[in-house]
């Protein structure tokens, strides 16, 4: 619920990719990045990366897979999903009275909050 690149606490910074979040955490993919103004919920910037691989679940555990050709350069979120995530961040920040770092996932059209913790590095 803050922008760690600029340390701006009035912006929500979101980064996403296809598949499981391990791709982002492990640095095997350059994620899409979205910056949202907290007050207006307007998307300030929208950077879509080329995503060649993604992490997917398998019976042997997470594994790398190629991203389908038609998804490689496509945004991993719709504008309405970006807004929904930003609203969730603002709501959690208000509840915890602190900037928060969240992990989330979409399954079909439903947003799931996987983890929420205070941001301690700003």
Protein backbone atom coordinates (compact mmCIF):
# COMPACT_ATOMS: atom_id res chain seq x y z
CA UNK A 1 0.00 0.00 0.00
CA UNK A 2 3.00 2.22 -0.69
CA UNK A 3 5.42 2.66 -3.56
CA UNK A 4 8.74 1.10 -2.48
CA UNK A 5 10.57 2.55 -5.49
CA UNK A 6 9.75 6.18 -4.67
CA UNK A 7 8.76 5.71 -0.99
CA UNK A 8 5.51 7.47 -1.80
CA UNK A 9 2.91 6.43 0.78
CA UNK A 10 0.05 7.96 -1.29
CA UNK A 11 0.51 5.37 -4.03
CA UNK A 12 -0.24 1.66 -4.20
CA UNK A 13 2.44 -0.30 -6.08
CA UNK A 14 1.31 -3.62 -7.57
CA UNK A 15 3.44 -6.15 -9.42
CA UNK A 16 2.02 -9.28 -11.01
CA UNK A 17 2.65 -12.04 -13.48
CA UNK A 18 0.98 -15.19 -14.77
CA UNK A 19 1.03 -18.30 -12.60
CA UNK A 20 2.21 -18.56 -9.01
CA UNK A 21 3.92 -15.64 -7.28
CA UNK A 22 7.15 -17.61 -6.89
CA UNK A 23 8.17 -16.40 -10.36
CA UNK A 24 8.29 -12.84 -9.04
CA UNK A 25 9.87 -13.72 -5.68
CA UNK A 26 12.57 -15.85 -7.34
CA UNK A 27 13.28 -13.27 -10.02
CA UNK A 28 12.60 -15.67 -12.90
CA UNK A 29 10.18 -13.21 -14.51
CA UNK A 30 10.01 -9.45 -14.84
CA UNK A 31 6.53 -8.64 -13.50
CA UNK A 32 3.97 -6.17 -14.76
CA UNK A 33 3.96 -3.04 -12.57
CA UNK A 34 1.03 -0.81 -11.78
CA UNK A 35 1.00 2.36 -9.67
CA UNK A 36 -2.34 3.63 -8.34
CA UNK A 37 -3.14 6.91 -6.62
CA UNK A 38 -4.75 6.05 -3.26
CA UNK A 39 -7.09 9.04 -3.17
CA UNK A 40 -8.59 8.77 -6.65
CA UNK A 41 -7.80 5.09 -7.34
CA UNK A 42 -6.60 6.24 -10.77
CA UNK A 43 -3.88 4.16 -12.39
CA UNK A 44 -0.85 6.47 -12.61
CA UNK A 45 1.41 4.11 -14.52
CA UNK A 46 1.04 0.76 -16.20
CA UNK A 47 4.20 -1.12 -17.30
CA UNK A 48 3.62 -4.43 -19.03
CA UNK A 49 6.62 -6.73 -19.38
CA UNK A 50 7.20 -9.63 -21.74
CA UNK A 51 6.64 -12.73 -19.65
CA UNK A 52 8.35 -15.81 -21.12
CA UNK A 53 7.91 -18.21 -18.20
CA UNK A 54 5.63 -18.72 -15.21
CA UNK A 55 5.59 -20.97 -12.19
CA UNK A 56 2.73 -23.47 -12.11
CA UNK A 57 1.67 -26.13 -9.60
CA UNK A 58 2.35 -29.78 -10.39
CA UNK A 59 2.19 -33.08 -8.54
CA UNK A 60 5.96 -32.79 -7.94
CA UNK A 61 5.65 -29.25 -6.66
CA UNK A 62 6.01 -25.88 -8.38
CA UNK A 63 7.63 -25.97 -11.82
CA UNK A 64 8.50 -23.53 -14.58
CA UNK A 65 6.41 -23.50 -17.76
CA UNK A 66 6.32 -21.40 -20.90
CA UNK A 67 3.73 -18.65 -21.07
CA UNK A 68 1.26 -19.07 -23.94
CA UNK A 69 2.22 -16.91 -26.92
CA UNK A 70 -0.96 -14.79 -26.72
CA UNK A 71 -0.30 -13.95 -23.04
CA UNK A 72 3.42 -13.06 -23.17
CA UNK A 73 2.89 -9.35 -23.81
CA UNK A 74 -0.61 -9.08 -22.32
CA UNK A 75 -1.30 -7.37 -19.00
CA UNK A 76 -1.70 -9.93 -16.24
CA UNK A 77 -4.45 -7.76 -14.69
CA UNK A 78 -7.43 -5.88 -16.07
CA UNK A 79 -7.91 -2.26 -15.06
CA UNK A 80 -10.83 -3.29 -12.82
CA UNK A 81 -8.59 -5.87 -11.08
CA UNK A 82 -5.91 -3.22 -10.50
CA UNK A 83 -8.54 -1.00 -8.88
CA UNK A 84 -9.92 -3.89 -6.80
CA UNK A 85 -6.45 -4.69 -5.45
CA UNK A 86 -5.74 -1.03 -4.69
CA UNK A 87 -9.06 -0.77 -2.79
CA UNK A 88 -8.13 -3.87 -0.78
CA UNK A 89 -4.73 -2.36 0.07
CA UNK A 90 -6.30 0.91 1.23
CA UNK A 91 -8.89 -0.95 3.31
CA UNK A 92 -6.25 -3.12 5.00
CA UNK A 93 -4.00 -0.11 5.58
CA UNK A 94 -6.88 1.69 7.30
CA UNK A 95 -7.66 -1.36 9.41
CA UNK A 96 -4.04 -1.91 10.50
CA UNK A 97 -3.16 1.80 10.66
CA UNK A 98 0.02 1.08 8.75
CA UNK A 99 1.19 0.62 5.19
CA UNK A 100 0.81 -3.03 4.25
CA UNK A 101 2.51 -5.50 1.95
CA UNK A 102 0.06 -8.07 0.65
CA UNK A 103 0.17 -11.21 -1.43
CA UNK A 104 -2.92 -12.04 -3.40
CA UNK A 105 -4.17 -14.27 -6.18
CA UNK A 106 -7.03 -14.41 -8.60
CA UNK A 107 -8.83 -17.64 -9.26
CA UNK A 108 -11.20 -17.16 -12.14
CA UNK A 109 -12.74 -13.77 -11.29
CA UNK A 110 -12.34 -13.91 -7.50
CA UNK A 111 -9.62 -12.04 -5.59
CA UNK A 112 -8.04 -13.90 -2.67
CA UNK A 113 -5.91 -12.31 0.03
CA UNK A 114 -3.08 -14.75 0.78
CA UNK A 115 -0.97 -12.74 3.19
CA UNK A 116 -0.85 -9.29 4.77
CA UNK A 117 1.97 -7.79 6.80
CA UNK A 118 3.17 -4.30 7.75
CA UNK A 119 5.71 -2.66 5.47
CA UNK A 120 8.82 -2.17 7.60
CA UNK A 121 11.33 -1.10 4.95
CA UNK A 122 10.08 2.37 3.91
